[in-house]
Amino acid sequence: MSPRLHPRQLLRRLRRAGGTTAGTGAAMSPSAPATAAAAAATSLSMEAIASIVPITTLAFLAALAAVAARPAAAMPYNENERVQFTGVVNDPAGRPVPGVQVVVEVARRRLGQRLLRRADKDVRRVGASTDAQGAYSIEWPWDSYFNHFQLLAGVTVRHGREEHLEVLESEDVTERVLAGSPVVSPIVLHDRRLVDRMRDFLASVQSADQRRIYDEMGVPDDVKRVSYAGRERETEVSWWYFEAGSVYRFRDGRLDQVERFDPVHPF
């Protein structure tokens, strides 16, 4: 069996085949290079093709060619037409999950030059939070430049003054978008603990001191509550930030004490 060649080596062989006539090196007519290259390509046996490019790569390139060949008339939307994304977020037991951030991420997907990897550019995001019934609704103005659509579900987490979306579930909905609007996508959130924890914590941030520390430090790594015997109305709440080496103690919402310790980094 002939040795396997890199796709770039295949291209160089085809270019050499298209640049001169066989055995003479004489100049060719403008249409001759393409004809010669096509003849060289078709003259390769299936065994030779398999030895040059892996079958998985051939299948991937064929899929990309099919997408690229899609006529503009096949697009189901006009420019700036509203595409609606809607659905409900439930846990595996079928219970709705409120307070989930659902994001439509759109991008221009292309074939990367290195190792034929997919690469996304010009990524845009638009999102909404689920309501008490776990429902969400998002609109995106159609732009034919974008050709890849991803649906993300998670929760926004703040560390210090920076926020990021902690993605818990994701799904490629490109084909559904091309099928028409509305794009109905129910989401099953397999682990809702982080969402519940974030919702409960944010609901507990009520005093001015607590809001200030939250704005400065973000979500604590741990929250501890202590009630004292005989003082049921008085509760101490401690916010622990292990990597920052700080614990903030609040008494009835008022910042009472700040303690420092050696930072603890995750393993």
Protein backbone atom coordinates (compact mmCIF):
# COMPACT_ATOMS: atom_id res chain seq x y z
CA MET A 1 0.00 0.00 0.00
CA SER A 2 1.37 3.42 -0.91
CA PRO A 3 2.48 5.66 1.96
CA ARG A 4 -0.05 8.12 3.36
CA LEU A 5 0.46 11.71 2.21
CA HIS A 6 -0.41 14.97 3.94
CA PRO A 7 -3.20 16.96 2.17
CA ARG A 8 -0.66 19.71 1.32
CA GLN A 9 1.49 17.14 -0.52
CA LEU A 10 -1.59 16.11 -2.49
CA LEU A 11 -2.22 19.73 -3.49
CA ARG A 12 1.39 20.16 -4.64
CA ARG A 13 1.09 17.02 -6.79
CA LEU A 14 -2.13 18.23 -8.37
CA ARG A 15 -0.61 21.65 -9.06
CA ARG A 16 2.38 20.05 -10.75
CA ALA A 17 0.04 17.91 -12.81
CA GLY A 18 -1.90 20.98 -13.90
CA GLY A 19 1.09 23.19 -14.73
CA THR A 20 2.61 21.26 -17.69
CA THR A 21 1.60 18.65 -20.22
CA ALA A 22 2.66 15.12 -19.47
CA GLY A 23 6.24 14.44 -20.44
CA THR A 24 6.83 17.69 -22.38
CA GLY A 25 6.73 20.61 -19.95
CA ALA A 26 5.22 22.74 -22.74
CA ALA A 27 2.97 25.71 -21.96
CA MET A 28 -0.75 24.98 -21.82
CA SER A 29 -3.87 26.89 -22.78
CA PRO A 30 -5.72 28.80 -20.00
CA SER A 31 -8.29 26.01 -19.61
CA ALA A 32 -5.76 23.19 -19.83
CA PRO A 33 -4.42 23.35 -16.21
CA ALA A 34 -7.85 22.74 -14.74
CA THR A 35 -8.47 19.92 -17.23
CA ALA A 36 -5.13 18.28 -16.48
CA ALA A 37 -5.63 18.63 -12.73
CA ALA A 38 -9.08 17.11 -12.98
CA ALA A 39 -7.73 14.24 -15.05
CA ALA A 40 -4.95 13.66 -12.52
CA ALA A 41 -7.42 13.65 -9.66
CA THR A 42 -9.87 11.30 -11.35
CA SER A 43 -7.07 8.96 -12.33
CA LEU A 44 -6.36 8.25 -8.68
CA SER A 45 -7.82 4.97 -7.52
CA MET A 46 -9.95 4.77 -4.38
CA GLU A 47 -7.08 2.97 -2.68
CA ALA A 48 -4.74 5.84 -3.55
CA ILE A 49 -7.20 8.43 -2.28
CA ALA A 50 -7.61 6.54 0.99
CA SER A 51 -3.84 6.43 1.36
CA ILE A 52 -3.58 10.21 0.91
CA VAL A 53 -6.46 11.55 3.00
CA PRO A 54 -8.16 9.70 5.90
CA ILE A 55 -11.78 8.74 5.22
CA THR A 56 -12.95 10.86 8.19
CA THR A 57 -11.26 13.91 6.65
CA LEU A 58 -12.87 13.19 3.27
CA ALA A 59 -16.30 12.98 4.91
CA PHE A 60 -15.70 16.22 6.78
CA LEU A 61 -14.62 18.03 3.60
CA ALA A 62 -17.64 16.67 1.73
CA ALA A 63 -19.97 18.00 4.46
CA LEU A 64 -18.33 21.42 4.29
CA ALA A 65 -18.65 21.45 0.50
CA ALA A 66 -22.37 20.67 0.80
CA VAL A 67 -22.89 23.60 3.18
CA ALA A 68 -20.86 25.95 1.00
CA ALA A 69 -22.90 24.90 -2.04
CA ARG A 70 -26.20 25.79 -0.35
CA PRO A 71 -27.83 28.49 -2.51
CA ALA A 72 -28.68 31.84 -0.93
CA ALA A 73 -32.33 31.28 -1.83
CA ALA A 74 -32.41 28.36 0.63
CA MET A 75 -31.96 30.70 3.60
CA PRO A 76 -35.35 30.98 5.36
CA TYR A 77 -34.95 34.60 6.52
CA ASN A 78 -34.50 38.09 5.17
CA GLU A 79 -31.77 40.32 6.55
CA ASN A 80 -32.66 41.68 10.04
CA GLU A 81 -35.74 39.45 10.24
CA ARG A 82 -36.35 38.40 13.84
CA VAL A 83 -35.54 34.80 14.70
CA GLN A 84 -37.21 33.66 17.93
CA PHE A 85 -35.67 31.10 20.28
CA THR A 86 -38.00 29.72 22.90
CA GLY A 87 -38.32 26.82 25.29
CA VAL A 88 -38.47 25.65 28.90
CA VAL A 89 -35.62 24.63 31.21
CA ASN A 90 -36.43 21.67 33.46
CA ASP A 91 -34.43 19.36 35.70
CA PRO A 92 -34.45 15.58 35.05
CA ALA A 93 -37.53 15.23 37.27
CA GLY A 94 -39.45 17.63 35.03
CA ARG A 95 -39.45 20.51 37.52
CA PRO A 96 -38.94 24.00 36.03
CA VAL A 97 -35.66 25.77 36.87
CA PRO A 98 -36.06 29.54 37.25
CA GLY A 99 -33.15 31.97 37.13
CA VAL A 100 -31.14 30.13 34.45
CA GLN A 101 -29.23 32.24 31.93
CA VAL A 102 -30.04 30.97 28.42
CA VAL A 103 -27.76 32.39 25.73
CA VAL A 104 -27.84 32.15 21.96
CA GLU A 105 -24.24 32.22 20.74
CA VAL A 106 -23.80 32.95 17.03
CA ALA A 107 -20.54 32.85 15.09
CA ARG A 108 -18.99 32.64 11.66
CA ARG A 109 -17.65 29.10 11.41
CA ARG A 110 -14.94 28.34 8.88
CA LEU A 111 -12.40 25.63 8.20
CA GLY A 112 -9.09 26.44 9.90
CA GLN A 113 -5.92 26.28 7.84
CA ARG A 114 -4.09 24.18 10.42
CA LEU A 115 -5.07 20.51 10.66
CA LEU A 116 -8.48 21.18 9.08
CA ARG A 117 -9.94 22.30 12.40
CA ARG A 118 -13.13 24.27 12.71
CA ALA A 119 -12.63 27.84 13.87
CA ASP A 120 -15.24 30.35 15.02
CA LYS A 121 -14.83 34.10 14.62
CA ASP A 122 -16.90 37.21 15.38
CA VAL A 123 -18.80 35.48 18.19
CA ARG A 124 -21.93 37.28 19.40
CA ARG A 125 -24.18 36.47 22.36
CA VAL A 126 -27.71 37.44 23.28
CA GLY A 127 -29.62 35.95 26.20
CA ALA A 128 -32.38 36.01 28.79
CA SER A 129 -33.21 34.50 32.18
CA THR A 130 -35.84 31.83 32.72
CA ASP A 131 -38.99 32.91 34.56
CA ALA A 132 -40.73 31.17 37.45
CA GLN A 133 -42.03 28.48 35.05
CA GLY A 134 -38.54 27.91 33.59
CA ALA A 135 -39.51 29.51 30.27
CA TYR A 136 -37.25 31.69 28.14
CA SER A 137 -37.65 33.71 24.95
CA ILE A 138 -34.82 35.30 22.93
CA GLU A 139 -34.81 37.17 19.63
CA TRP A 140 -31.92 37.48 17.17
CA PRO A 141 -31.93 39.72 14.06
CA TRP A 142 -30.97 37.48 11.15
CA ASP A 143 -27.60 38.20 9.56
CA SER A 144 -26.54 35.84 6.77
CA TYR A 145 -22.88 36.38 7.67
CA PHE A 146 -23.29 34.08 10.69
CA ASN A 147 -23.64 30.37 10.01
CA HIS A 148 -23.32 28.65 13.40
CA PHE A 149 -25.78 28.79 16.32
CA GLN A 150 -25.20 27.38 19.80
CA LEU A 151 -27.63 27.38 22.71
CA LEU A 152 -26.02 27.71 26.16
CA ALA A 153 -27.64 27.37 29.58
CA GLY A 154 -25.92 28.26 32.83
CA VAL A 155 -25.53 30.84 35.52
CA THR A 156 -23.60 34.10 35.70
CA VAL A 157 -20.88 33.94 38.35
CA ARG A 158 -18.92 36.95 39.59
CA HIS A 159 -15.36 36.61 40.85
CA GLY A 160 -14.03 39.94 42.02
CA ARG A 161 -15.24 42.56 39.55
CA GLU A 162 -15.41 40.13 36.62
CA GLU A 163 -18.39 38.05 35.54
CA HIS A 164 -18.55 34.97 33.34
CA LEU A 165 -21.19 32.50 32.28
CA GLU A 166 -20.75 29.12 33.94
CA VAL A 167 -22.13 26.90 31.16
CA LEU A 168 -24.02 23.85 32.44
CA GLU A 169 -25.65 22.68 29.20
CA SER A 170 -25.03 23.42 25.52
CA GLU A 171 -26.53 22.34 22.20
CA ASP A 172 -25.85 23.04 18.52
CA VAL A 173 -29.12 24.36 17.03
CA THR A 174 -27.85 25.44 13.60
CA GLU A 175 -30.05 23.01 11.65
CA ARG A 176 -33.11 24.02 13.68
CA VAL A 177 -32.45 27.69 12.92
CA LEU A 178 -32.21 26.97 9.18
CA ALA A 179 -35.52 25.07 9.39
CA GLY A 180 -37.36 28.26 10.39
CA SER A 181 -38.60 30.33 13.33
CA PRO A 182 -39.56 29.86 16.12
CA VAL A 183 -36.63 27.69 17.18
CA VAL A 184 -38.16 25.61 19.99
CA SER A 185 -35.51 24.03 22.23
CA PRO A 186 -36.43 22.48 25.60
CA ILE A 187 -33.40 22.16 27.87
CA VAL A 188 -32.80 19.57 30.59
CA LEU A 189 -30.49 20.89 33.32
CA HIS A 190 -28.92 17.79 34.81
CA ASP A 191 -27.36 19.55 37.82
CA ARG A 192 -29.35 22.48 39.17
CA ARG A 193 -27.45 22.87 42.45
CA LEU A 194 -25.31 25.78 41.26
CA VAL A 195 -28.37 27.63 39.97
CA ASP A 196 -30.25 27.13 43.25
CA ARG A 197 -27.19 28.17 45.26
CA MET A 198 -26.71 31.36 43.24
CA ARG A 199 -30.39 32.27 43.44
CA ASP A 200 -30.52 31.73 47.21
CA PHE A 201 -27.30 33.68 47.78
CA LEU A 202 -28.37 36.69 45.71
CA ALA A 203 -31.70 36.75 47.53
CA SER A 204 -29.81 36.96 50.84
CA VAL A 205 -27.76 40.03 49.80
CA GLN A 206 -29.89 42.78 51.29
CA SER A 207 -27.83 45.29 53.30
CA ALA A 208 -25.61 48.03 51.89
CA ASP A 209 -22.49 46.39 53.40
CA GLN A 210 -23.32 43.04 51.80
CA ARG A 211 -23.92 44.60 48.38
CA ARG A 212 -20.61 46.49 48.62
CA ILE A 213 -18.59 43.37 49.45
CA TYR A 214 -20.38 41.41 46.74
CA ASP A 215 -19.52 44.12 44.19
CA GLU A 216 -15.88 44.02 45.29
CA MET A 217 -15.34 40.28 45.82
CA GLY A 218 -18.09 38.48 43.92
CA VAL A 219 -19.69 35.21 44.98
CA PRO A 220 -18.05 33.69 48.09
CA ASP A 221 -16.67 30.17 48.00
CA ASP A 222 -18.63 29.29 51.13
CA VAL A 223 -21.30 30.87 53.31
CA LYS A 224 -21.74 29.95 56.98
CA ARG A 225 -24.58 31.05 59.26
CA VAL A 226 -24.40 30.95 63.06
CA SER A 227 -27.26 31.58 65.49
CA TYR A 228 -26.58 32.13 69.18
CA ALA A 229 -28.63 30.59 71.97
CA GLY A 230 -30.86 33.13 73.63
CA ARG A 231 -30.34 35.56 70.72
CA GLU A 232 -32.51 33.97 68.04
CA ARG A 233 -32.99 37.25 66.23
CA GLU A 234 -29.25 37.83 65.96
CA THR A 235 -27.47 35.86 63.22
CA GLU A 236 -23.85 35.95 62.13
CA VAL A 237 -23.15 35.26 58.45
CA SER A 238 -19.61 34.61 57.22
CA TRP A 239 -18.54 34.89 53.57
CA TRP A 240 -15.39 32.87 52.85
CA TYR A 241 -13.08 33.68 49.92
CA PHE A 242 -10.41 31.00 50.06
CA GLU A 243 -8.19 32.11 47.17
CA ALA A 244 -8.27 35.71 48.39
CA GLY A 245 -7.51 34.64 51.97
CA SER A 246 -10.40 36.64 53.44
CA VAL A 247 -13.52 36.06 55.47
CA TYR A 248 -16.17 38.76 55.97
CA ARG A 249 -18.44 38.42 58.99
CA PHE A 250 -21.80 40.18 59.03
CA ARG A 251 -24.01 40.57 62.05
CA ASP A 252 -27.62 41.33 61.08
CA GLY A 253 -26.42 42.52 57.68
CA ARG A 254 -23.79 44.93 59.03
CA LEU A 255 -20.11 44.21 58.34
CA ASP A 256 -18.73 43.33 61.76
CA GLN A 257 -15.27 41.88 61.10
CA VAL A 258 -12.78 41.08 58.32
CA GLU A 259 -10.21 38.35 58.89
CA ARG A 260 -7.20 37.48 56.76
CA PHE A 261 -5.56 34.08 56.37
CA ASP A 262 -3.16 32.34 54.02
CA PRO A 263 -4.84 31.92 50.61
CA VAL A 264 -6.06 28.44 49.80
CA HIS A 265 -5.82 27.53 46.11
CA PRO A 266 -7.79 24.68 44.52
CA PHE A 267 -5.92 21.48 43.82
